[in-house]
Amino acid sequence: MMEKPSVTLPGTVEKIIKPSQPDQPEKAQIAIEGADDLYREIRIENSLTARNGDEVRLKKGAEVDVTVEVDPETENTARK
């Protein structure tokens, strides 16, 4: 099986955002180091699954790794 091209960047959880509606999920705002200023923050649902299957949540100040992968079938290779 071909490995997916990827990049992993360090990030820090800046804040936890409580939902405005009870049926909406809590969000974690993550600042990604090395990204352009305008695009360095992302928000994700604050519900992750640990290796043992337990649900875990991020906390403010937590250090995380953000990985972006591309499907080799759809990647656009750079030309030199």
PDB file of N, CA and C in Angstrom:
ATOM      1  N   MET A   1       0.840  -1.184   0.000  1.00  0.00           N
ATOM      2  CA  MET A   1       0.000   0.000   0.000  1.00  0.00           C
ATOM      3  C   MET A   1       0.884   1.245   0.000  1.00  0.00           C
ATOM      4  N   MET A   2       0.548   2.220  -0.839  1.00  0.00           N
ATOM      5  CA  MET A   2       1.323   3.437  -0.951  1.00  0.00           C
ATOM      6  C   MET A   2       1.015   4.360   0.234  1.00  0.00           C
ATOM      7  N   GLU A   3       2.069   4.922   0.824  1.00  0.00           N
ATOM      8  CA  GLU A   3       1.894   5.854   1.935  1.00  0.00           C
ATOM      9  C   GLU A   3       1.404   7.197   1.407  1.00  0.00           C
ATOM     10  N   LYS A   4       0.481   7.823   2.146  1.00  0.00           N
ATOM     11  CA  LYS A   4      -0.053   9.118   1.740  1.00  0.00           C
ATOM     12  C   LYS A   4       0.970  10.213   2.019  1.00  0.00           C
ATOM     13  N   PRO A   5       1.187  11.118   1.062  1.00  0.00           N
ATOM     14  CA  PRO A   5       2.035  12.279   1.341  1.00  0.00           C
ATOM     15  C   PRO A   5       1.376  13.101   2.453  1.00  0.00           C
ATOM     16  N   SER A   6       2.197  13.609   3.366  1.00  0.00           N
ATOM     17  CA  SER A   6       1.631  14.348   4.497  1.00  0.00           C
ATOM     18  C   SER A   6       2.620  15.365   5.043  1.00  0.00           C
ATOM     19  N   VAL A   7       2.076  16.272   5.868  1.00  0.00           N
ATOM     20  CA  VAL A   7       2.888  17.210   6.623  1.00  0.00           C
ATOM     21  C   VAL A   7       2.261  17.281   8.014  1.00  0.00           C
ATOM     22  N   THR A   8       3.105  17.340   9.042  1.00  0.00           N
ATOM     23  CA  THR A   8       2.626  17.460  10.412  1.00  0.00           C
ATOM     24  C   THR A   8       3.231  18.718  11.013  1.00  0.00           C
ATOM     25  N   LEU A   9       2.372  19.573  11.563  1.00  0.00           N
ATOM     26  CA  LEU A   9       2.797  20.831  12.168  1.00  0.00           C
ATOM     27  C   LEU A   9       2.380  20.868  13.631  1.00  0.00           C
ATOM     28  N   PRO A  10       3.208  21.472  14.485  1.00  0.00           N
ATOM     29  CA  PRO A  10       2.827  21.588  15.898  1.00  0.00           C
ATOM     30  C   PRO A  10       1.765  22.659  16.084  1.00  0.00           C
ATOM     31  N   GLY A  11       0.955  22.473  17.095  1.00  0.00           N
ATOM     32  CA  GLY A  11      -0.077  23.450  17.409  1.00  0.00           C
ATOM     33  C   GLY A  11      -0.352  23.484  18.899  1.00  0.00           C
ATOM     34  N   THR A  12      -1.111  24.484  19.327  1.00  0.00           N
ATOM     35  CA  THR A  12      -1.481  24.643  20.730  1.00  0.00           C
ATOM     36  C   THR A  12      -2.964  24.977  20.803  1.00  0.00           C
ATOM     37  N   VAL A  13      -3.664  24.325  21.725  1.00  0.00           N
ATOM     38  CA  VAL A  13      -5.079  24.627  21.928  1.00  0.00           C
ATOM     39  C   VAL A  13      -5.156  25.990  22.605  1.00  0.00           C
ATOM     40  N   GLU A  14      -5.734  26.970  21.895  1.00  0.00           N
ATOM     41  CA  GLU A  14      -5.844  28.337  22.418  1.00  0.00           C
ATOM     42  C   GLU A  14      -7.036  28.495  23.346  1.00  0.00           C
ATOM     43  N   LYS A  15      -8.164  27.888  22.961  1.00  0.00           N
ATOM     44  CA  LYS A  15      -9.348  28.010  23.806  1.00  0.00           C
ATOM     45  C   LYS A  15     -10.351  26.917  23.479  1.00  0.00           C
ATOM     46  N   ILE A  16     -11.218  26.677  24.461  1.00  0.00           N
ATOM     47  CA  ILE A  16     -12.318  25.740  24.304  1.00  0.00           C
ATOM     48  C   ILE A  16     -13.585  26.584  24.164  1.00  0.00           C
ATOM     49  N   ILE A  17     -14.357  26.324  23.127  1.00  0.00           N
ATOM     50  CA  ILE A  17     -15.541  27.123  22.828  1.00  0.00           C
ATOM     51  C   ILE A  17     -16.782  26.307  23.165  1.00  0.00           C
ATOM     52  N   LYS A  18     -17.519  26.786  24.151  1.00  0.00           N
ATOM     53  CA  LYS A  18     -18.757  26.123  24.554  1.00  0.00           C
ATOM     54  C   LYS A  18     -19.811  26.335  23.467  1.00  0.00           C
ATOM     55  N   PRO A  19     -20.679  25.359  23.242  1.00  0.00           N
ATOM     56  CA  PRO A  19     -21.705  25.512  22.205  1.00  0.00           C
ATOM     57  C   PRO A  19     -22.752  26.556  22.598  1.00  0.00           C
ATOM     58  N   SER A  20     -23.269  27.259  21.591  1.00  0.00           N
ATOM     59  CA  SER A  20     -24.316  28.248  21.851  1.00  0.00           C
ATOM     60  C   SER A  20     -25.681  27.571  21.950  1.00  0.00           C
ATOM     61  N   GLN A  21     -25.803  26.388  21.398  1.00  0.00           N
ATOM     62  CA  GLN A  21     -27.028  25.584  21.459  1.00  0.00           C
ATOM     63  C   GLN A  21     -26.685  24.250  22.119  1.00  0.00           C
ATOM     64  N   PRO A  22     -27.563  23.704  22.954  1.00  0.00           N
ATOM     65  CA  PRO A  22     -27.256  22.446  23.646  1.00  0.00           C
ATOM     66  C   PRO A  22     -27.022  21.257  22.717  1.00  0.00           C
ATOM     67  N   ASP A  23     -27.571  21.298  21.516  1.00  0.00           N
ATOM     68  CA  ASP A  23     -27.405  20.177  20.589  1.00  0.00           C
ATOM     69  C   ASP A  23     -26.157  20.305  19.715  1.00  0.00           C
ATOM     70  N   GLN A  24     -25.368  21.371  19.898  1.00  0.00           N
ATOM     71  CA  GLN A  24     -24.140  21.565  19.134  1.00  0.00           C
ATOM     72  C   GLN A  24     -22.941  21.084  19.945  1.00  0.00           C
ATOM     73  N   PRO A  25     -21.879  20.635  19.270  1.00  0.00           N
ATOM     74  CA  PRO A  25     -20.706  20.144  19.989  1.00  0.00           C
ATOM     75  C   PRO A  25     -19.794  21.271  20.484  1.00  0.00           C
ATOM     76  N   GLU A  26     -19.035  20.978  21.534  1.00  0.00           N
ATOM     77  CA  GLU A  26     -17.991  21.881  22.018  1.00  0.00           C
ATOM     78  C   GLU A  26     -16.877  21.887  20.971  1.00  0.00           C
ATOM     79  N   LYS A  27     -16.201  23.024  20.789  1.00  0.00           N
ATOM     80  CA  LYS A  27     -15.110  23.137  19.812  1.00  0.00           C
ATOM     81  C   LYS A  27     -13.805  23.485  20.508  1.00  0.00           C
ATOM     82  N   ALA A  28     -12.698  23.059  19.918  1.00  0.00           N
ATOM     83  CA  ALA A  28     -11.367  23.439  20.377  1.00  0.00           C
ATOM     84  C   ALA A  28     -10.734  24.281  19.281  1.00  0.00           C
ATOM     85  N   GLN A  29     -10.222  25.461  19.651  1.00  0.00           N
ATOM     86  CA  GLN A  29      -9.530  26.326  18.692  1.00  0.00           C
ATOM     87  C   GLN A  29      -8.042  26.067  18.820  1.00  0.00           C
ATOM     88  N   ILE A  30      -7.413  25.706  17.712  1.00  0.00           N
ATOM     89  CA  ILE A  30      -6.002  25.326  17.696  1.00  0.00           C
ATOM     90  C   ILE A  30      -5.215  26.299  16.830  1.00  0.00           C
ATOM     91  N   ALA A  31      -4.127  26.843  17.382  1.00  0.00           N
ATOM     92  CA  ALA A  31      -3.203  27.694  16.629  1.00  0.00           C
ATOM     93  C   ALA A  31      -2.108  26.799  16.071  1.00  0.00           C
ATOM     94  N   ILE A  32      -1.936  26.827  14.747  1.00  0.00           N
ATOM     95  CA  ILE A  32      -0.952  25.977  14.077  1.00  0.00           C
ATOM     96  C   ILE A  32       0.311  26.773  13.808  1.00  0.00           C
ATOM     97  N   GLU A  33       1.428  26.310  14.365  1.00  0.00           N
ATOM     98  CA  GLU A  33       2.712  26.975  14.156  1.00  0.00           C
ATOM     99  C   GLU A  33       3.167  26.752  12.719  1.00  0.00           C
ATOM    100  N   GLY A  34       3.695  27.799  12.107  1.00  0.00           N
ATOM    101  CA  GLY A  34       4.214  27.689  10.748  1.00  0.00           C
ATOM    102  C   GLY A  34       3.199  28.016   9.670  1.00  0.00           C
ATOM    103  N   ALA A  35       1.933  28.219  10.050  1.00  0.00           N
ATOM    104  CA  ALA A  35       0.911  28.592   9.066  1.00  0.00           C
ATOM    105  C   ALA A  35       0.888  30.110   8.913  1.00  0.00           C
ATOM    106  N   ASP A  36       0.388  30.589   7.786  1.00  0.00           N
ATOM    107  CA  ASP A  36       0.233  32.031   7.589  1.00  0.00           C
ATOM    108  C   ASP A  36      -0.674  32.597   8.668  1.00  0.00           C
ATOM    109  N   ASP A  37      -0.407  33.832   9.093  1.00  0.00           N
ATOM    110  CA  ASP A  37      -1.170  34.462  10.169  1.00  0.00           C
ATOM    111  C   ASP A  37      -2.675  34.381   9.959  1.00  0.00           C
ATOM    112  N   LEU A  38      -3.126  34.648   8.762  1.00  0.00           N
ATOM    113  CA  LEU A  38      -4.549  34.676   8.473  1.00  0.00           C
ATOM    114  C   LEU A  38      -5.198  33.299   8.584  1.00  0.00           C
ATOM    115  N   TYR A  39      -4.402  32.238   8.468  1.00  0.00           N
ATOM    116  CA  TYR A  39      -4.943  30.876   8.425  1.00  0.00           C
ATOM    117  C   TYR A  39      -4.414  29.974   9.543  1.00  0.00           C
ATOM    118  N   ARG A  40      -3.845  30.550  10.578  1.00  0.00           N
ATOM    119  CA  ARG A  40      -3.172  29.706  11.570  1.00  0.00           C
ATOM    120  C   ARG A  40      -4.102  29.095  12.599  1.00  0.00           C
ATOM    121  N   GLU A  41      -5.355  29.520  12.659  1.00  0.00           N
ATOM    122  CA  GLU A  41      -6.270  28.965  13.644  1.00  0.00           C
ATOM    123  C   GLU A  41      -7.331  28.098  12.972  1.00  0.00           C
ATOM    124  N   ILE A  42      -7.544  26.934  13.557  1.00  0.00           N
ATOM    125  CA  ILE A  42      -8.620  26.058  13.099  1.00  0.00           C
ATOM    126  C   ILE A  42      -9.473  25.697  14.304  1.00  0.00           C
ATOM    127  N   ARG A  43     -10.699  25.332  14.041  1.00  0.00           N
ATOM    128  CA  ARG A  43     -11.598  24.870  15.098  1.00  0.00           C
ATOM    129  C   ARG A  43     -12.094  23.488  14.720  1.00  0.00           C
ATOM    130  N   ILE A  44     -12.013  22.592  15.699  1.00  0.00           N
ATOM    131  CA  ILE A  44     -12.472  21.228  15.488  1.00  0.00           C
ATOM    132  C   ILE A  44     -13.402  20.844  16.632  1.00  0.00           C
ATOM    133  N   GLU A  45     -14.216  19.838  16.390  1.00  0.00           N
ATOM    134  CA  GLU A  45     -15.058  19.309  17.452  1.00  0.00           C
ATOM    135  C   GLU A  45     -14.146  18.753  18.542  1.00  0.00           C
ATOM    136  N   ASN A  46     -14.448  19.076  19.789  1.00  0.00           N
ATOM    137  CA  ASN A  46     -13.591  18.671  20.901  1.00  0.00           C
ATOM    138  C   ASN A  46     -14.007  17.296  21.427  1.00  0.00           C
ATOM    139  N   SER A  47     -13.888  16.321  20.565  1.00  0.00           N
ATOM    140  CA  SER A  47     -14.197  14.941  20.922  1.00  0.00           C
ATOM    141  C   SER A  47     -13.281  14.051  20.102  1.00  0.00           C
ATOM    142  N   LEU A  48     -12.307  13.446  20.763  1.00  0.00           N
ATOM    143  CA  LEU A  48     -11.355  12.579  20.093  1.00  0.00           C
ATOM    144  C   LEU A  48     -11.450  11.182  20.693  1.00  0.00           C
ATOM    145  N   THR A  49     -10.918  10.209  19.985  1.00  0.00           N
ATOM    146  CA  THR A  49     -10.926   8.838  20.469  1.00  0.00           C
ATOM    147  C   THR A  49      -9.495   8.391  20.732  1.00  0.00           C
ATOM    148  N   ALA A  50      -9.234   7.945  21.960  1.00  0.00           N
ATOM    149  CA  ALA A  50      -7.917   7.444  22.343  1.00  0.00           C
ATOM    150  C   ALA A  50      -7.693   6.068  21.717  1.00  0.00           C
ATOM    151  N   ARG A  51      -6.457   5.608  21.727  1.00  0.00           N
ATOM    152  CA  ARG A  51      -6.125   4.299  21.140  1.00  0.00           C
ATOM    153  C   ARG A  51      -6.925   3.166  21.765  1.00  0.00           C
ATOM    154  N   ASN A  52      -7.254   3.311  23.065  1.00  0.00           N
ATOM    155  CA  ASN A  52      -8.004   2.249  23.740  1.00  0.00           C
ATOM    156  C   ASN A  52      -9.511   2.368  23.521  1.00  0.00           C
ATOM    157  N   GLY A  53      -9.939   3.371  22.723  1.00  0.00           N
ATOM    158  CA  GLY A  53     -11.342   3.536  22.402  1.00  0.00           C
ATOM    159  C   GLY A  53     -12.091   4.525  23.280  1.00  0.00           C
ATOM    160  N   ASP A  54     -11.436   5.034  24.343  1.00  0.00           N
ATOM    161  CA  ASP A  54     -12.084   6.009  25.219  1.00  0.00           C
ATOM    162  C   ASP A  54     -12.210   7.364  24.530  1.00  0.00           C
ATOM    163  N   GLU A  55     -13.299   8.083  24.834  1.00  0.00           N
ATOM    164  CA  GLU A  55     -13.457   9.443  24.323  1.00  0.00           C
ATOM    165  C   GLU A  55     -12.648  10.378  25.205  1.00  0.00           C
ATOM    166  N   VAL A  56     -11.894  11.279  24.578  1.00  0.00           N
ATOM    167  CA  VAL A  56     -11.088  12.259  25.308  1.00  0.00           C
ATOM    168  C   VAL A  56     -11.360  13.645  24.739  1.00  0.00           C
ATOM    169  N   ARG A  57     -11.052  14.663  25.537  1.00  0.00           N
ATOM    170  CA  ARG A  57     -11.242  16.051  25.115  1.00  0.00           C
ATOM    171  C   ARG A  57      -9.931  16.810  25.299  1.00  0.00           C
ATOM    172  N   LEU A  58      -9.732  17.807  24.447  1.00  0.00           N
ATOM    173  CA  LEU A  58      -8.562  18.666  24.558  1.00  0.00           C
ATOM    174  C   LEU A  58      -8.804  19.712  25.643  1.00  0.00           C
ATOM    175  N   LYS A  59      -7.710  20.188  26.236  1.00  0.00           N
ATOM    176  CA  LYS A  59      -7.768  21.258  27.235  1.00  0.00           C
ATOM    177  C   LYS A  59      -6.974  22.449  26.722  1.00  0.00           C
ATOM    178  N   LYS A  60      -7.358  23.645  27.183  1.00  0.00           N
ATOM    179  CA  LYS A  60      -6.637  24.861  26.815  1.00  0.00           C
ATOM    180  C   LYS A  60      -5.163  24.699  27.182  1.00  0.00           C
ATOM    181  N   GLY A  61      -4.283  25.073  26.261  1.00  0.00           N
ATOM    182  CA  GLY A  61      -2.845  24.983  26.482  1.00  0.00           C
ATOM    183  C   GLY A  61      -2.225  23.668  26.044  1.00  0.00           C
ATOM    184  N   ALA A  62      -3.044  22.685  25.684  1.00  0.00           N
ATOM    185  CA  ALA A  62      -2.505  21.384  25.260  1.00  0.00           C
ATOM    186  C   ALA A  62      -1.714  21.541  23.970  1.00  0.00           C
ATOM    187  N   GLU A  63      -0.585  20.853  23.894  1.00  0.00           N
ATOM    188  CA  GLU A  63       0.218  20.837  22.674  1.00  0.00           C
ATOM    189  C   GLU A  63      -0.249  19.671  21.818  1.00  0.00           C
ATOM    190  N   VAL A  64      -0.483  19.943  20.535  1.00  0.00           N
ATOM    191  CA  VAL A  64      -1.002  18.928  19.621  1.00  0.00           C
ATOM    192  C   VAL A  64      -0.185  18.921  18.337  1.00  0.00           C
ATOM    193  N   ASP A  65      -0.312  17.866  17.567  1.00  0.00           N
ATOM    194  CA  ASP A  65       0.250  17.785  16.228  1.00  0.00           C
ATOM    195  C   ASP A  65      -0.915  17.742  15.247  1.00  0.00           C
ATOM    196  N   VAL A  66      -0.852  18.586  14.218  1.00  0.00           N
ATOM    197  CA  VAL A  66      -1.896  18.631  13.194  1.00  0.00           C
ATOM    198  C   VAL A  66      -1.293  18.054  11.919  1.00  0.00           C
ATOM    199  N   THR A  67      -1.907  16.978  11.422  1.00  0.00           N
ATOM    200  CA  THR A  67      -1.397  16.305  10.226  1.00  0.00           C
ATOM    201  C   THR A  67      -2.371  16.481   9.073  1.00  0.00           C
ATOM    202  N   VAL A  68      -1.819  16.859   7.919  1.00  0.00           N
ATOM    203  CA  VAL A  68      -2.597  16.971   6.692  1.00  0.00           C
ATOM    204  C   VAL A  68      -2.072  15.898   5.752  1.00  0.00           C
ATOM    205  N   GLU A  69      -2.991  15.047   5.261  1.00  0.00           N
ATOM    206  CA  GLU A  69      -2.625  13.992   4.326  1.00  0.00           C
ATOM    207  C   GLU A  69      -3.373  14.198   3.021  1.00  0.00           C
ATOM    208  N   VAL A  70      -2.772  13.726   1.956  1.00  0.00           N
ATOM    209  CA  VAL A  70      -3.424  13.797   0.646  1.00  0.00           C
ATOM    210  C   VAL A  70      -3.499  12.393   0.062  1.00  0.00           C
ATOM    211  N   ASP A  71      -4.595  12.106  -0.568  1.00  0.00           N
ATOM    212  CA  ASP A  71      -4.767  10.828  -1.243  1.00  0.00           C
ATOM    213  C   ASP A  71      -3.848  10.820  -2.462  1.00  0.00           C
ATOM    214  N   PRO A  72      -2.960   9.833  -2.589  1.00  0.00           N
ATOM    215  CA  PRO A  72      -2.030   9.804  -3.732  1.00  0.00           C
ATOM    216  C   PRO A  72      -2.733   9.847  -5.087  1.00  0.00           C
ATOM    217  N   GLU A  73      -3.975   9.375  -5.138  1.00  0.00           N
ATOM    218  CA  GLU A  73      -4.730   9.391  -6.393  1.00  0.00           C
ATOM    219  C   GLU A  73      -5.093  10.807  -6.832  1.00  0.00           C
ATOM    220  N   THR A  74      -5.213  11.736  -5.865  1.00  0.00           N
ATOM    221  CA  THR A  74      -5.671  13.081  -6.206  1.00  0.00           C
ATOM    222  C   THR A  74      -4.607  14.149  -6.034  1.00  0.00           C
ATOM    223  N   GLU A  75      -3.415  13.765  -5.591  1.00  0.00           N
ATOM    224  CA  GLU A  75      -2.386  14.766  -5.355  1.00  0.00           C
ATOM    225  C   GLU A  75      -1.937  15.437  -6.655  1.00  0.00           C
ATOM    226  N   ASN A  76      -1.515  16.682  -6.518  1.00  0.00           N
ATOM    227  CA  ASN A  76      -0.997  17.447  -7.635  1.00  0.00           C
ATOM    228  C   ASN A  76       0.504  17.594  -7.390  1.00  0.00           C
ATOM    229  N   THR A  77       1.313  16.852  -8.096  1.00  0.00           N
ATOM    230  CA  THR A  77       2.755  16.878  -7.856  1.00  0.00           C
ATOM    231  C   THR A  77       3.369  18.154  -8.414  1.00  0.00           C
ATOM    232  N   ALA A  78       4.322  18.694  -7.656  1.00  0.00           N
ATOM    233  CA  ALA A  78       5.031  19.898  -8.081  1.00  0.00           C
ATOM    234  C   ALA A  78       6.015  19.540  -9.170  1.00  0.00           C
ATOM    235  N   ARG A  79       6.161  20.420 -10.098  1.00  0.00           N
ATOM    236  CA  ARG A  79       7.121  20.190 -11.187  1.00  0.00           C
ATOM    237  C   ARG A  79       8.313  21.094 -10.999  1.00  0.00           C
ATOM    238  N   LYS A  80       9.492  20.532 -11.221  1.00  0.00           N
ATOM    239  CA  LYS A  80      10.723  21.294 -11.042  1.00  0.00           C
ATOM    240  C   LYS A  80      11.167  21.906 -12.339  1.00  0.00           C
TER     241      LYS A  80
END
